[in-house]
Amino acid sequence: MITALVAGLLAGYGIAIPVGAVGTYLVALTARTSLRVGSAAALGIATADGLYALAAVLGGSALAGLIAPVARPLGVLSALVLLTVAVLGARRALRESAGGPVKTAVPMAAPRAYSTLLGITLLNPVTIVYFAALVVGNKSAAAFDAVPQASVFVLAAFCASASWQLFLAFGGALLGRLVTGARGRLVTGLVSSAIVGGLAVKLLLSLL
C-alpha cells in the first residue's frame, strides 16, 4: 500500500511539475478571472492526469500500444488547440485594452474552465504513455494488480497533480491582484499568449 502511495505521488508530481503551455495558460487564466475559475481549471487538469493514471493501471502496455498509432495526430491536434487558445487570449487582451477599463465580470465560468482544461490535457498522448511506462516498468508492478493498491496509486497521482495545479492557480490569483491596471493586464495577457503559442509551435514542429 505504501509503495503504491509513494509511486502515485511521484508519478503525479512528475507529470505535473514541468510547467508547459497548459500550466502557463492556467496561471494566466486565473490572473485574468478569479481563483474559483482557476481552481476549477486546475482540477480539470488533475482529473485528466488521474484518468490516464487509471487507464495505465487497467491497461498498462496494451493501452500504450493502442495510443501509439494515433499519438502523432493527437499531438498535432493538441498543438493546434493550444495555438487557438493563444490567439484568442491575445485578441481578448487587445480588445480589453482598446475598450478602456477591464470589466469586472468573469469571462469564463468555473464549469467551462474545468471542461476546457480537462479536454486540452486529455489531448496529450504523452501522459498515457508516461503512466503506462511507470506502471509496467515498476519492479513491483504486480502490486498494482490488487484493487486497493491500484486505487491508492490513482488517487495519489490525482492528489499530487491537483496540489501542484492549485499551487499554480494561487500564483495566478496573486499575479492578478498585483496586475490591476489595464496596461499590466495587457502585458500579462500578451506574454502568456506568446509563451503558450511558442510552446505549441515547438510541439507542432517536433511532430511534422
N, C-alpha and C. Protein backbone atom coordinates (compact mmCIF):
# COMPACT_ATOMS: atom_id res chain seq x y z
N MET A 1 0.83 -1.21 0.00
CA MET A 1 0.00 0.00 0.00
C MET A 1 0.86 1.26 0.00
N ILE A 2 1.90 1.27 0.85
CA ILE A 2 2.80 2.43 0.91
C ILE A 2 3.53 2.59 -0.41
N THR A 3 3.92 1.46 -1.02
CA THR A 3 4.62 1.52 -2.31
C THR A 3 3.74 2.15 -3.37
N ALA A 4 2.48 1.77 -3.41
CA ALA A 4 1.55 2.34 -4.38
C ALA A 4 1.33 3.82 -4.11
N LEU A 5 1.25 4.21 -2.83
CA LEU A 5 1.05 5.62 -2.47
C LEU A 5 2.22 6.47 -2.92
N VAL A 6 3.43 6.02 -2.61
CA VAL A 6 4.63 6.77 -2.99
C VAL A 6 4.76 6.83 -4.50
N ALA A 7 4.50 5.69 -5.17
CA ALA A 7 4.60 5.66 -6.63
C ALA A 7 3.59 6.61 -7.26
N GLY A 8 2.38 6.65 -6.72
CA GLY A 8 1.36 7.55 -7.25
C GLY A 8 1.72 9.01 -7.07
N LEU A 9 2.23 9.35 -5.88
CA LEU A 9 2.63 10.74 -5.62
C LEU A 9 3.75 11.17 -6.55
N LEU A 10 4.75 10.30 -6.69
CA LEU A 10 5.88 10.63 -7.57
C LEU A 10 5.42 10.75 -9.02
N ALA A 11 4.53 9.87 -9.44
CA ALA A 11 4.03 9.92 -10.81
C ALA A 11 3.24 11.19 -11.05
N GLY A 12 2.37 11.56 -10.10
CA GLY A 12 1.56 12.77 -10.25
C GLY A 12 2.40 14.03 -10.31
N TYR A 13 3.35 14.14 -9.40
CA TYR A 13 4.22 15.32 -9.41
C TYR A 13 5.14 15.32 -10.63
N GLY A 14 5.55 14.13 -11.04
CA GLY A 14 6.46 14.03 -12.18
C GLY A 14 5.84 14.55 -13.47
N ILE A 15 4.54 14.30 -13.65
CA ILE A 15 3.87 14.76 -14.87
C ILE A 15 3.38 16.20 -14.73
N ALA A 16 3.16 16.66 -13.48
CA ALA A 16 2.54 17.97 -13.27
C ALA A 16 3.55 19.11 -13.16
N ILE A 17 4.68 18.87 -12.48
CA ILE A 17 5.58 19.97 -12.13
C ILE A 17 6.21 20.66 -13.34
N PRO A 18 6.66 19.93 -14.37
CA PRO A 18 7.21 20.67 -15.53
C PRO A 18 6.13 21.57 -16.15
N VAL A 19 6.29 22.88 -15.98
CA VAL A 19 5.27 23.82 -16.43
C VAL A 19 5.42 24.07 -17.92
N GLY A 20 4.43 23.66 -18.69
CA GLY A 20 4.43 23.87 -20.13
C GLY A 20 3.34 24.84 -20.52
N ALA A 21 2.79 24.63 -21.71
CA ALA A 21 1.78 25.54 -22.22
C ALA A 21 0.51 25.53 -21.38
N VAL A 22 0.09 24.35 -20.93
CA VAL A 22 -1.14 24.25 -20.14
C VAL A 22 -0.98 24.94 -18.80
N GLY A 23 0.16 24.73 -18.14
CA GLY A 23 0.42 25.38 -16.86
C GLY A 23 0.48 26.89 -16.99
N THR A 24 1.11 27.35 -18.07
CA THR A 24 1.18 28.79 -18.33
C THR A 24 -0.21 29.38 -18.55
N TYR A 25 -1.03 28.66 -19.30
CA TYR A 25 -2.39 29.12 -19.55
C TYR A 25 -3.21 29.14 -18.26
N LEU A 26 -2.99 28.16 -17.40
CA LEU A 26 -3.70 28.10 -16.12
C LEU A 26 -3.39 29.33 -15.28
N VAL A 27 -2.11 29.71 -15.19
CA VAL A 27 -1.72 30.89 -14.41
C VAL A 27 -2.36 32.14 -14.99
N ALA A 28 -2.27 32.29 -16.31
CA ALA A 28 -2.82 33.49 -16.95
C ALA A 28 -4.34 33.54 -16.83
N LEU A 29 -5.01 32.39 -16.95
CA LEU A 29 -6.46 32.34 -16.83
C LEU A 29 -6.90 32.79 -15.44
N THR A 30 -6.21 32.29 -14.40
CA THR A 30 -6.56 32.67 -13.04
C THR A 30 -6.31 34.15 -12.79
N ALA A 31 -5.20 34.66 -13.34
CA ALA A 31 -4.87 36.07 -13.15
C ALA A 31 -5.93 36.98 -13.76
N ARG A 32 -6.53 36.54 -14.85
CA ARG A 32 -7.49 37.38 -15.57
C ARG A 32 -8.93 37.12 -15.16
N THR A 33 -9.18 36.08 -14.35
CA THR A 33 -10.55 35.78 -13.94
C THR A 33 -10.64 35.80 -12.41
N SER A 34 -10.60 34.63 -11.81
CA SER A 34 -10.71 34.54 -10.35
C SER A 34 -10.09 33.22 -9.89
N LEU A 35 -9.84 33.14 -8.58
CA LEU A 35 -9.28 31.92 -8.02
C LEU A 35 -10.26 30.76 -8.17
N ARG A 36 -11.55 31.04 -8.10
CA ARG A 36 -12.55 29.99 -8.27
C ARG A 36 -12.47 29.36 -9.66
N VAL A 37 -12.36 30.21 -10.67
CA VAL A 37 -12.24 29.71 -12.04
C VAL A 37 -10.93 28.97 -12.22
N GLY A 38 -9.84 29.54 -11.70
CA GLY A 38 -8.53 28.90 -11.81
C GLY A 38 -8.48 27.56 -11.10
N SER A 39 -9.12 27.47 -9.94
CA SER A 39 -9.14 26.20 -9.21
C SER A 39 -9.91 25.14 -9.98
N ALA A 40 -11.02 25.53 -10.60
CA ALA A 40 -11.78 24.59 -11.42
C ALA A 40 -10.93 24.10 -12.59
N ALA A 41 -10.22 25.03 -13.23
CA ALA A 41 -9.34 24.64 -14.34
C ALA A 41 -8.23 23.71 -13.86
N ALA A 42 -7.68 24.00 -12.68
CA ALA A 42 -6.62 23.15 -12.12
C ALA A 42 -7.12 21.74 -11.87
N LEU A 43 -8.33 21.62 -11.35
CA LEU A 43 -8.90 20.30 -11.10
C LEU A 43 -9.22 19.58 -12.41
N GLY A 44 -9.50 20.34 -13.48
CA GLY A 44 -9.70 19.72 -14.79
C GLY A 44 -8.43 19.05 -15.27
N ILE A 45 -7.30 19.73 -15.10
CA ILE A 45 -6.00 19.15 -15.48
C ILE A 45 -5.72 17.91 -14.64
N ALA A 46 -5.93 18.02 -13.32
CA ALA A 46 -5.66 16.89 -12.43
C ALA A 46 -6.57 15.70 -12.74
N THR A 47 -7.81 15.98 -13.12
CA THR A 47 -8.73 14.90 -13.49
C THR A 47 -8.21 14.12 -14.69
N ALA A 48 -7.71 14.85 -15.68
CA ALA A 48 -7.14 14.18 -16.86
C ALA A 48 -5.96 13.31 -16.47
N ASP A 49 -5.08 13.83 -15.59
CA ASP A 49 -3.94 13.03 -15.13
C ASP A 49 -4.42 11.79 -14.39
N GLY A 50 -5.46 11.97 -13.55
CA GLY A 50 -5.99 10.83 -12.81
C GLY A 50 -6.61 9.78 -13.72
N LEU A 51 -7.32 10.24 -14.74
CA LEU A 51 -7.94 9.30 -15.69
C LEU A 51 -6.88 8.51 -16.45
N TYR A 52 -5.81 9.19 -16.85
CA TYR A 52 -4.74 8.49 -17.56
C TYR A 52 -3.98 7.54 -16.63
N ALA A 53 -3.85 7.92 -15.36
CA ALA A 53 -3.23 7.00 -14.40
C ALA A 53 -4.09 5.76 -14.23
N LEU A 54 -5.42 5.96 -14.17
CA LEU A 54 -6.35 4.82 -14.07
C LEU A 54 -6.26 3.94 -15.32
N ALA A 55 -6.22 4.57 -16.48
CA ALA A 55 -6.12 3.81 -17.73
C ALA A 55 -4.84 3.00 -17.78
N ALA A 56 -3.76 3.59 -17.27
CA ALA A 56 -2.47 2.90 -17.28
C ALA A 56 -2.50 1.69 -16.35
N VAL A 57 -3.13 1.85 -15.19
CA VAL A 57 -3.22 0.75 -14.23
C VAL A 57 -4.09 -0.38 -14.80
N LEU A 58 -5.17 0.00 -15.48
CA LEU A 58 -6.08 -1.01 -16.02
C LEU A 58 -5.53 -1.70 -17.26
N GLY A 59 -4.86 -0.90 -18.12
CA GLY A 59 -4.43 -1.46 -19.39
C GLY A 59 -2.95 -1.61 -19.58
N GLY A 60 -2.17 -0.80 -18.86
CA GLY A 60 -0.73 -0.90 -18.94
C GLY A 60 -0.19 -0.75 -20.35
N SER A 61 0.69 -1.65 -20.72
CA SER A 61 1.36 -1.58 -22.01
C SER A 61 0.40 -1.74 -23.18
N ALA A 62 -0.73 -2.43 -22.96
CA ALA A 62 -1.69 -2.63 -24.04
C ALA A 62 -2.26 -1.29 -24.48
N LEU A 63 -2.60 -0.42 -23.52
CA LEU A 63 -3.14 0.89 -23.86
C LEU A 63 -2.07 1.76 -24.51
N ALA A 64 -0.84 1.64 -24.03
CA ALA A 64 0.25 2.40 -24.63
C ALA A 64 0.42 2.00 -26.09
N GLY A 65 0.25 0.69 -26.37
CA GLY A 65 0.35 0.24 -27.75
C GLY A 65 -0.78 0.74 -28.61
N LEU A 66 -1.97 0.83 -28.03
CA LEU A 66 -3.12 1.33 -28.78
C LEU A 66 -2.99 2.82 -29.09
N ILE A 67 -2.41 3.57 -28.15
CA ILE A 67 -2.33 5.01 -28.33
C ILE A 67 -1.19 5.41 -29.28
N ALA A 68 -0.21 4.50 -29.42
CA ALA A 68 0.97 4.83 -30.23
C ALA A 68 0.63 5.22 -31.67
N PRO A 69 -0.26 4.49 -32.39
CA PRO A 69 -0.55 4.86 -33.78
C PRO A 69 -1.21 6.22 -33.95
N VAL A 70 -1.92 6.69 -32.90
CA VAL A 70 -2.61 7.98 -33.02
C VAL A 70 -1.93 9.07 -32.20
N ALA A 71 -0.77 8.76 -31.65
CA ALA A 71 -0.07 9.73 -30.82
C ALA A 71 0.29 10.99 -31.60
N ARG A 72 0.76 10.81 -32.83
CA ARG A 72 1.16 11.98 -33.63
C ARG A 72 -0.04 12.86 -34.00
N PRO A 73 -1.14 12.29 -34.53
CA PRO A 73 -2.31 13.13 -34.80
C PRO A 73 -2.84 13.84 -33.56
N LEU A 74 -2.85 13.14 -32.42
CA LEU A 74 -3.31 13.76 -31.19
C LEU A 74 -2.39 14.90 -30.78
N GLY A 75 -1.09 14.69 -30.97
CA GLY A 75 -0.14 15.75 -30.66
C GLY A 75 -0.34 16.98 -31.51
N VAL A 76 -0.57 16.76 -32.81
CA VAL A 76 -0.83 17.88 -33.72
C VAL A 76 -2.11 18.60 -33.32
N LEU A 77 -3.15 17.84 -33.01
CA LEU A 77 -4.41 18.45 -32.59
C LEU A 77 -4.24 19.25 -31.31
N SER A 78 -3.46 18.70 -30.38
CA SER A 78 -3.19 19.40 -29.13
C SER A 78 -2.47 20.72 -29.39
N ALA A 79 -1.48 20.70 -30.28
CA ALA A 79 -0.74 21.92 -30.61
C ALA A 79 -1.65 22.95 -31.26
N LEU A 80 -2.54 22.52 -32.15
CA LEU A 80 -3.46 23.44 -32.82
C LEU A 80 -4.44 24.06 -31.83
N VAL A 81 -4.92 23.25 -30.88
CA VAL A 81 -5.83 23.77 -29.85
C VAL A 81 -5.11 24.82 -29.00
N LEU A 82 -3.87 24.54 -28.62
CA LEU A 82 -3.10 25.49 -27.82
C LEU A 82 -2.83 26.77 -28.60
N LEU A 83 -2.56 26.64 -29.89
CA LEU A 83 -2.37 27.83 -30.73
C LEU A 83 -3.64 28.67 -30.76
N THR A 84 -4.78 28.01 -30.88
CA THR A 84 -6.06 28.72 -30.88
C THR A 84 -6.27 29.44 -29.56
N VAL A 85 -5.95 28.76 -28.46
CA VAL A 85 -6.06 29.37 -27.14
C VAL A 85 -5.18 30.61 -27.04
N ALA A 86 -3.95 30.51 -27.56
CA ALA A 86 -3.02 31.64 -27.51
C ALA A 86 -3.54 32.83 -28.32
N VAL A 87 -4.05 32.56 -29.52
CA VAL A 87 -4.57 33.63 -30.38
C VAL A 87 -5.79 34.29 -29.74
N LEU A 88 -6.70 33.49 -29.22
CA LEU A 88 -7.89 34.05 -28.58
C LEU A 88 -7.53 34.85 -27.34
N GLY A 89 -6.55 34.37 -26.59
CA GLY A 89 -6.11 35.10 -25.40
C GLY A 89 -5.51 36.44 -25.75
N ALA A 90 -4.67 36.47 -26.78
CA ALA A 90 -4.07 37.73 -27.20
C ALA A 90 -5.13 38.70 -27.73
N ARG A 91 -6.08 38.16 -28.49
CA ARG A 91 -7.13 39.02 -29.04
C ARG A 91 -8.00 39.60 -27.92
N ARG A 92 -8.28 38.78 -26.90
CA ARG A 92 -9.08 39.26 -25.78
C ARG A 92 -8.34 40.36 -25.02
N ALA A 93 -7.03 40.17 -24.82
CA ALA A 93 -6.24 41.17 -24.10
C ALA A 93 -6.21 42.49 -24.87
N LEU A 94 -6.05 42.42 -26.19
CA LEU A 94 -6.02 43.63 -27.01
C LEU A 94 -7.38 44.31 -27.03
N ARG A 95 -8.43 43.52 -27.08
CA ARG A 95 -9.78 44.08 -27.11
C ARG A 95 -10.09 44.81 -25.80
N GLU A 96 -9.71 44.19 -24.66
CA GLU A 96 -9.95 44.82 -23.37
C GLU A 96 -9.14 46.10 -23.23
N SER A 97 -7.91 46.09 -23.75
CA SER A 97 -7.06 47.27 -23.67
C SER A 97 -7.64 48.41 -24.51
N ALA A 98 -8.14 48.08 -25.68
CA ALA A 98 -8.70 49.11 -26.57
C ALA A 98 -10.03 49.64 -26.05
N GLY A 99 -10.72 48.83 -25.27
CA GLY A 99 -12.04 49.24 -24.82
C GLY A 99 -12.05 49.99 -23.51
N GLY A 100 -10.87 50.28 -22.96
CA GLY A 100 -10.83 51.04 -21.73
C GLY A 100 -10.75 50.12 -20.53
N PRO A 101 -11.38 50.47 -19.41
CA PRO A 101 -11.30 49.68 -18.18
C PRO A 101 -11.77 48.24 -18.38
N VAL A 102 -11.11 47.33 -17.73
CA VAL A 102 -11.47 45.92 -17.85
C VAL A 102 -12.73 45.64 -17.06
N LYS A 103 -13.65 44.94 -17.65
CA LYS A 103 -14.89 44.60 -16.97
C LYS A 103 -14.60 43.68 -15.79
N THR A 104 -15.37 43.86 -14.73
CA THR A 104 -15.16 43.05 -13.54
C THR A 104 -15.82 41.68 -13.65
N ALA A 105 -16.68 41.49 -14.63
CA ALA A 105 -17.35 40.21 -14.79
C ALA A 105 -16.37 39.13 -15.21
N VAL A 106 -16.58 37.93 -14.68
CA VAL A 106 -15.70 36.81 -15.02
C VAL A 106 -16.09 36.29 -16.40
N PRO A 107 -15.13 36.28 -17.38
CA PRO A 107 -15.46 35.90 -18.74
C PRO A 107 -15.61 34.40 -18.94
N MET A 108 -15.20 33.60 -17.96
CA MET A 108 -15.33 32.16 -18.10
C MET A 108 -15.83 31.58 -16.79
N ALA A 109 -16.91 30.82 -16.85
CA ALA A 109 -17.46 30.20 -15.66
C ALA A 109 -16.61 29.01 -15.24
N ALA A 110 -16.68 28.64 -13.97
CA ALA A 110 -15.87 27.55 -13.45
C ALA A 110 -16.11 26.22 -14.17
N PRO A 111 -17.36 25.82 -14.44
CA PRO A 111 -17.56 24.55 -15.16
C PRO A 111 -16.91 24.54 -16.55
N ARG A 112 -16.99 25.68 -17.24
CA ARG A 112 -16.37 25.75 -18.57
C ARG A 112 -14.85 25.68 -18.45
N ALA A 113 -14.29 26.32 -17.43
CA ALA A 113 -12.85 26.26 -17.22
C ALA A 113 -12.40 24.83 -16.94
N TYR A 114 -13.20 24.12 -16.13
CA TYR A 114 -12.88 22.73 -15.82
C TYR A 114 -12.88 21.87 -17.08
N SER A 115 -13.95 21.97 -17.86
CA SER A 115 -14.07 21.13 -19.05
C SER A 115 -13.04 21.50 -20.11
N THR A 116 -12.73 22.78 -20.23
CA THR A 116 -11.75 23.22 -21.23
C THR A 116 -10.37 22.67 -20.92
N LEU A 117 -9.92 22.81 -19.68
CA LEU A 117 -8.59 22.31 -19.32
C LEU A 117 -8.54 20.80 -19.28
N LEU A 118 -9.66 20.17 -18.93
CA LEU A 118 -9.73 18.70 -18.98
C LEU A 118 -9.54 18.23 -20.41
N GLY A 119 -10.24 18.86 -21.34
CA GLY A 119 -10.14 18.46 -22.75
C GLY A 119 -8.76 18.69 -23.32
N ILE A 120 -8.16 19.85 -23.02
CA ILE A 120 -6.83 20.14 -23.54
C ILE A 120 -5.81 19.13 -23.03
N THR A 121 -5.91 18.80 -21.73
CA THR A 121 -4.95 17.87 -21.14
C THR A 121 -5.15 16.45 -21.67
N LEU A 122 -6.40 16.06 -21.90
CA LEU A 122 -6.66 14.72 -22.42
C LEU A 122 -6.12 14.53 -23.83
N LEU A 123 -5.91 15.63 -24.55
CA LEU A 123 -5.39 15.53 -25.91
C LEU A 123 -3.92 15.16 -25.95
N ASN A 124 -3.26 15.22 -24.80
CA ASN A 124 -1.81 14.97 -24.76
C ASN A 124 -1.54 13.47 -24.61
N PRO A 125 -1.11 12.80 -25.68
CA PRO A 125 -0.88 11.35 -25.61
C PRO A 125 0.33 10.98 -24.78
N VAL A 126 1.20 11.95 -24.50
CA VAL A 126 2.40 11.66 -23.72
C VAL A 126 2.02 11.20 -22.31
N THR A 127 0.91 11.71 -21.79
CA THR A 127 0.52 11.41 -20.42
C THR A 127 0.22 9.93 -20.23
N ILE A 128 -0.57 9.33 -21.14
CA ILE A 128 -0.89 7.92 -21.00
C ILE A 128 0.35 7.05 -21.17
N VAL A 129 1.23 7.42 -22.09
CA VAL A 129 2.47 6.66 -22.27
C VAL A 129 3.34 6.77 -21.03
N TYR A 130 3.35 7.96 -20.43
CA TYR A 130 4.13 8.21 -19.21
C TYR A 130 3.66 7.30 -18.08
N PHE A 131 2.37 7.30 -17.80
CA PHE A 131 1.85 6.48 -16.71
C PHE A 131 1.98 4.99 -17.01
N ALA A 132 1.75 4.60 -18.26
CA ALA A 132 1.89 3.19 -18.62
C ALA A 132 3.32 2.71 -18.41
N ALA A 133 4.28 3.55 -18.79
CA ALA A 133 5.69 3.19 -18.63
C ALA A 133 6.04 3.04 -17.15
N LEU A 134 5.49 3.91 -16.31
CA LEU A 134 5.77 3.83 -14.88
C LEU A 134 5.20 2.55 -14.28
N VAL A 135 3.97 2.24 -14.65
CA VAL A 135 3.32 1.05 -14.08
C VAL A 135 3.98 -0.23 -14.57
N VAL A 136 4.21 -0.31 -15.88
CA VAL A 136 4.78 -1.52 -16.46
C VAL A 136 6.25 -1.68 -16.07
N GLY A 137 6.97 -0.55 -16.01
CA GLY A 137 8.40 -0.61 -15.72
C GLY A 137 8.73 -0.75 -14.25
N ASN A 138 7.75 -0.55 -13.38
CA ASN A 138 8.00 -0.66 -11.96
C ASN A 138 8.26 -2.12 -11.58
N LYS A 139 9.33 -2.33 -10.81
CA LYS A 139 9.67 -3.70 -10.42
C LYS A 139 8.57 -4.34 -9.58
N SER A 140 7.81 -3.50 -8.90
CA SER A 140 6.73 -4.03 -8.08
C SER A 140 5.39 -3.82 -8.76
N ALA A 141 5.39 -3.82 -10.08
CA ALA A 141 4.17 -3.53 -10.84
C ALA A 141 3.05 -4.51 -10.52
N ALA A 142 3.41 -5.72 -10.09
CA ALA A 142 2.38 -6.70 -9.75
C ALA A 142 1.50 -6.22 -8.61
N ALA A 143 2.06 -5.30 -7.79
CA ALA A 143 1.28 -4.78 -6.67
C ALA A 143 0.08 -3.99 -7.15
N PHE A 144 0.16 -3.46 -8.35
CA PHE A 144 -0.95 -2.66 -8.88
C PHE A 144 -2.10 -3.53 -9.37
N ASP A 145 -1.90 -4.86 -9.39
CA ASP A 145 -2.97 -5.74 -9.83
C ASP A 145 -4.10 -5.79 -8.81
N ALA A 146 -3.77 -5.56 -7.54
CA ALA A 146 -4.79 -5.58 -6.49
C ALA A 146 -5.56 -4.27 -6.52
N VAL A 147 -6.87 -4.37 -6.35
CA VAL A 147 -7.73 -3.17 -6.45
C VAL A 147 -7.35 -2.10 -5.43
N PRO A 148 -7.12 -2.44 -4.15
CA PRO A 148 -6.77 -1.38 -3.19
C PRO A 148 -5.50 -0.63 -3.57
N GLN A 149 -4.46 -1.37 -3.96
CA GLN A 149 -3.19 -0.74 -4.32
C GLN A 149 -3.34 0.12 -5.57
N ALA A 150 -4.08 -0.40 -6.55
CA ALA A 150 -4.30 0.36 -7.78
C ALA A 150 -5.08 1.63 -7.49
N SER A 151 -6.07 1.54 -6.61
CA SER A 151 -6.87 2.71 -6.25
C SER A 151 -6.02 3.75 -5.54
N VAL A 152 -5.15 3.30 -4.65
CA VAL A 152 -4.26 4.23 -3.94
C VAL A 152 -3.33 4.92 -4.91
N PHE A 153 -2.79 4.17 -5.87
CA PHE A 153 -1.89 4.76 -6.87
C PHE A 153 -2.59 5.85 -7.67
N VAL A 154 -3.78 5.55 -8.16
CA VAL A 154 -4.52 6.52 -8.98
C VAL A 154 -4.91 7.75 -8.15
N LEU A 155 -5.40 7.52 -6.93
CA LEU A 155 -5.81 8.64 -6.08
C LEU A 155 -4.61 9.51 -5.71
N ALA A 156 -3.48 8.88 -5.42
CA ALA A 156 -2.27 9.63 -5.07
C ALA A 156 -1.78 10.46 -6.26
N ALA A 157 -1.85 9.87 -7.45
CA ALA A 157 -1.43 10.61 -8.65
C ALA A 157 -2.33 11.81 -8.88
N PHE A 158 -3.65 11.63 -8.69
CA PHE A 158 -4.59 12.74 -8.85
C PHE A 158 -4.32 13.83 -7.83
N CYS A 159 -4.15 13.45 -6.57
CA CYS A 159 -3.93 14.44 -5.50
C CYS A 159 -2.63 15.21 -5.70
N ALA A 160 -1.58 14.51 -6.14
CA ALA A 160 -0.32 15.18 -6.39
C ALA A 160 -0.46 16.19 -7.51
N SER A 161 -1.08 15.78 -8.61
CA SER A 161 -1.30 16.69 -9.73
C SER A 161 -2.18 17.86 -9.31
N ALA A 162 -3.25 17.57 -8.57
CA ALA A 162 -4.18 18.62 -8.14
C ALA A 162 -3.49 19.64 -7.25
N SER A 163 -2.65 19.17 -6.32
CA SER A 163 -1.99 20.10 -5.40
C SER A 163 -1.06 21.03 -6.16
N TRP A 164 -0.36 20.52 -7.18
CA TRP A 164 0.54 21.38 -7.94
C TRP A 164 -0.24 22.35 -8.83
N GLN A 165 -1.28 21.87 -9.47
CA GLN A 165 -2.07 22.75 -10.34
C GLN A 165 -2.76 23.84 -9.52
N LEU A 166 -3.23 23.51 -8.32
CA LEU A 166 -3.84 24.51 -7.45
C LEU A 166 -2.81 25.52 -6.98
N PHE A 167 -1.58 25.07 -6.78
CA PHE A 167 -0.49 25.98 -6.45
C PHE A 167 -0.27 26.99 -7.57
N LEU A 168 -0.30 26.52 -8.81
CA LEU A 168 -0.18 27.42 -9.96
C LEU A 168 -1.36 28.39 -10.01
N ALA A 169 -2.56 27.89 -9.70
CA ALA A 169 -3.73 28.75 -9.70
C ALA A 169 -3.61 29.85 -8.65
N PHE A 170 -3.13 29.50 -7.46
CA PHE A 170 -2.92 30.51 -6.42
C PHE A 170 -1.90 31.55 -6.88
N GLY A 171 -0.86 31.08 -7.57
CA GLY A 171 0.12 32.02 -8.12
C GLY A 171 -0.51 32.96 -9.13
N GLY A 172 -1.41 32.43 -9.94
CA GLY A 172 -2.11 33.26 -10.91
C GLY A 172 -3.02 34.27 -10.23
N ALA A 173 -3.69 33.85 -9.14
CA ALA A 173 -4.55 34.76 -8.39
C ALA A 173 -3.74 35.89 -7.78
N LEU A 174 -2.56 35.56 -7.25
CA LEU A 174 -1.68 36.59 -6.69
C LEU A 174 -1.23 37.56 -7.78
N LEU A 175 -0.88 37.01 -8.93
CA LEU A 175 -0.48 37.85 -10.05
C LEU A 175 -1.62 38.78 -10.46
N GLY A 176 -2.84 38.25 -10.44
CA GLY A 176 -4.00 39.05 -10.80
C GLY A 176 -4.20 40.23 -9.85
N ARG A 177 -3.89 40.03 -8.57
CA ARG A 177 -4.03 41.11 -7.60
C ARG A 177 -2.96 42.18 -7.80
N LEU A 178 -1.77 41.73 -8.20
CA LEU A 178 -0.67 42.67 -8.39
C LEU A 178 -0.84 43.47 -9.67
N VAL A 179 -1.35 42.81 -10.71
CA VAL A 179 -1.51 43.47 -12.00
C VAL A 179 -2.97 43.90 -12.15
N THR A 180 -3.27 45.09 -11.64
CA THR A 180 -4.65 45.55 -11.64
C THR A 180 -4.93 46.57 -12.74
N GLY A 181 -3.91 47.24 -13.25
CA GLY A 181 -4.12 48.24 -14.29
C GLY A 181 -4.35 47.61 -15.64
N ALA A 182 -4.94 48.40 -16.54
CA ALA A 182 -5.22 47.91 -17.89
C ALA A 182 -3.94 47.54 -18.63
N ARG A 183 -2.89 48.37 -18.46
CA ARG A 183 -1.63 48.09 -19.16
C ARG A 183 -0.99 46.82 -18.63
N GLY A 184 -1.00 46.64 -17.31
CA GLY A 184 -0.41 45.43 -16.72
C GLY A 184 -1.12 44.18 -17.17
N ARG A 185 -2.45 44.25 -17.23
CA ARG A 185 -3.22 43.08 -17.68
C ARG A 185 -3.00 42.82 -19.16
N LEU A 186 -2.80 43.88 -19.94
CA LEU A 186 -2.50 43.70 -21.36
C LEU A 186 -1.18 42.97 -21.54
N VAL A 187 -0.15 43.42 -20.80
CA VAL A 187 1.17 42.79 -20.90
C VAL A 187 1.10 41.33 -20.46
N THR A 188 0.41 41.09 -19.35
CA THR A 188 0.27 39.72 -18.85
C THR A 188 -0.41 38.82 -19.87
N GLY A 189 -1.49 39.33 -20.46
CA GLY A 189 -2.21 38.54 -21.45
C GLY A 189 -1.39 38.25 -22.69
N LEU A 190 -0.67 39.25 -23.17
CA LEU A 190 0.13 39.05 -24.38
C LEU A 190 1.33 38.14 -24.13
N VAL A 191 1.98 38.31 -22.97
CA VAL A 191 3.15 37.48 -22.66
C VAL A 191 2.73 36.02 -22.51
N SER A 192 1.64 35.78 -21.77
CA SER A 192 1.19 34.40 -21.58
C SER A 192 0.77 33.77 -22.92
N SER A 193 0.10 34.55 -23.77
CA SER A 193 -0.30 34.04 -25.08
C SER A 193 0.92 33.72 -25.94
N ALA A 194 1.95 34.58 -25.84
CA ALA A 194 3.18 34.34 -26.61
C ALA A 194 3.87 33.06 -26.15
N ILE A 195 3.89 32.83 -24.83
CA ILE A 195 4.53 31.62 -24.30
C ILE A 195 3.76 30.37 -24.73
N VAL A 196 2.44 30.41 -24.56
CA VAL A 196 1.62 29.27 -24.96
C VAL A 196 1.75 29.00 -26.45
N GLY A 197 1.69 30.07 -27.25
CA GLY A 197 1.83 29.92 -28.70
C GLY A 197 3.19 29.38 -29.10
N GLY A 198 4.25 29.88 -28.45
CA GLY A 198 5.60 29.40 -28.76
C GLY A 198 5.78 27.93 -28.44
N LEU A 199 5.26 27.51 -27.28
CA LEU A 199 5.35 26.09 -26.91
C LEU A 199 4.52 25.22 -27.84
N ALA A 200 3.39 25.75 -28.28
CA ALA A 200 2.55 24.99 -29.22
C ALA A 200 3.24 24.83 -30.57
N VAL A 201 3.88 25.90 -31.05
CA VAL A 201 4.62 25.83 -32.31
C VAL A 201 5.78 24.84 -32.20
N LYS A 202 6.47 24.88 -31.07
CA LYS A 202 7.59 23.95 -30.84
C LYS A 202 7.10 22.51 -30.90
N LEU A 203 5.96 22.25 -30.25
CA LEU A 203 5.38 20.90 -30.28
C LEU A 203 4.99 20.51 -31.68
N LEU A 204 4.38 21.44 -32.41
CA LEU A 204 3.92 21.16 -33.77
C LEU A 204 5.10 20.84 -34.69
N LEU A 205 6.17 21.62 -34.59
CA LEU A 205 7.35 21.39 -35.42
C LEU A 205 8.02 20.05 -35.10
N SER A 206 7.98 19.65 -33.84
CA SER A 206 8.60 18.38 -33.48
C SER A 206 7.83 17.18 -34.01
N LEU A 207 6.54 17.41 -34.35
CA LEU A 207 5.71 16.31 -34.85
C LEU A 207 5.64 16.25 -36.36
N LEU A 208 6.03 17.33 -37.04
CA LEU A 208 5.93 17.37 -38.50
C LEU A 208 7.21 16.91 -39.16
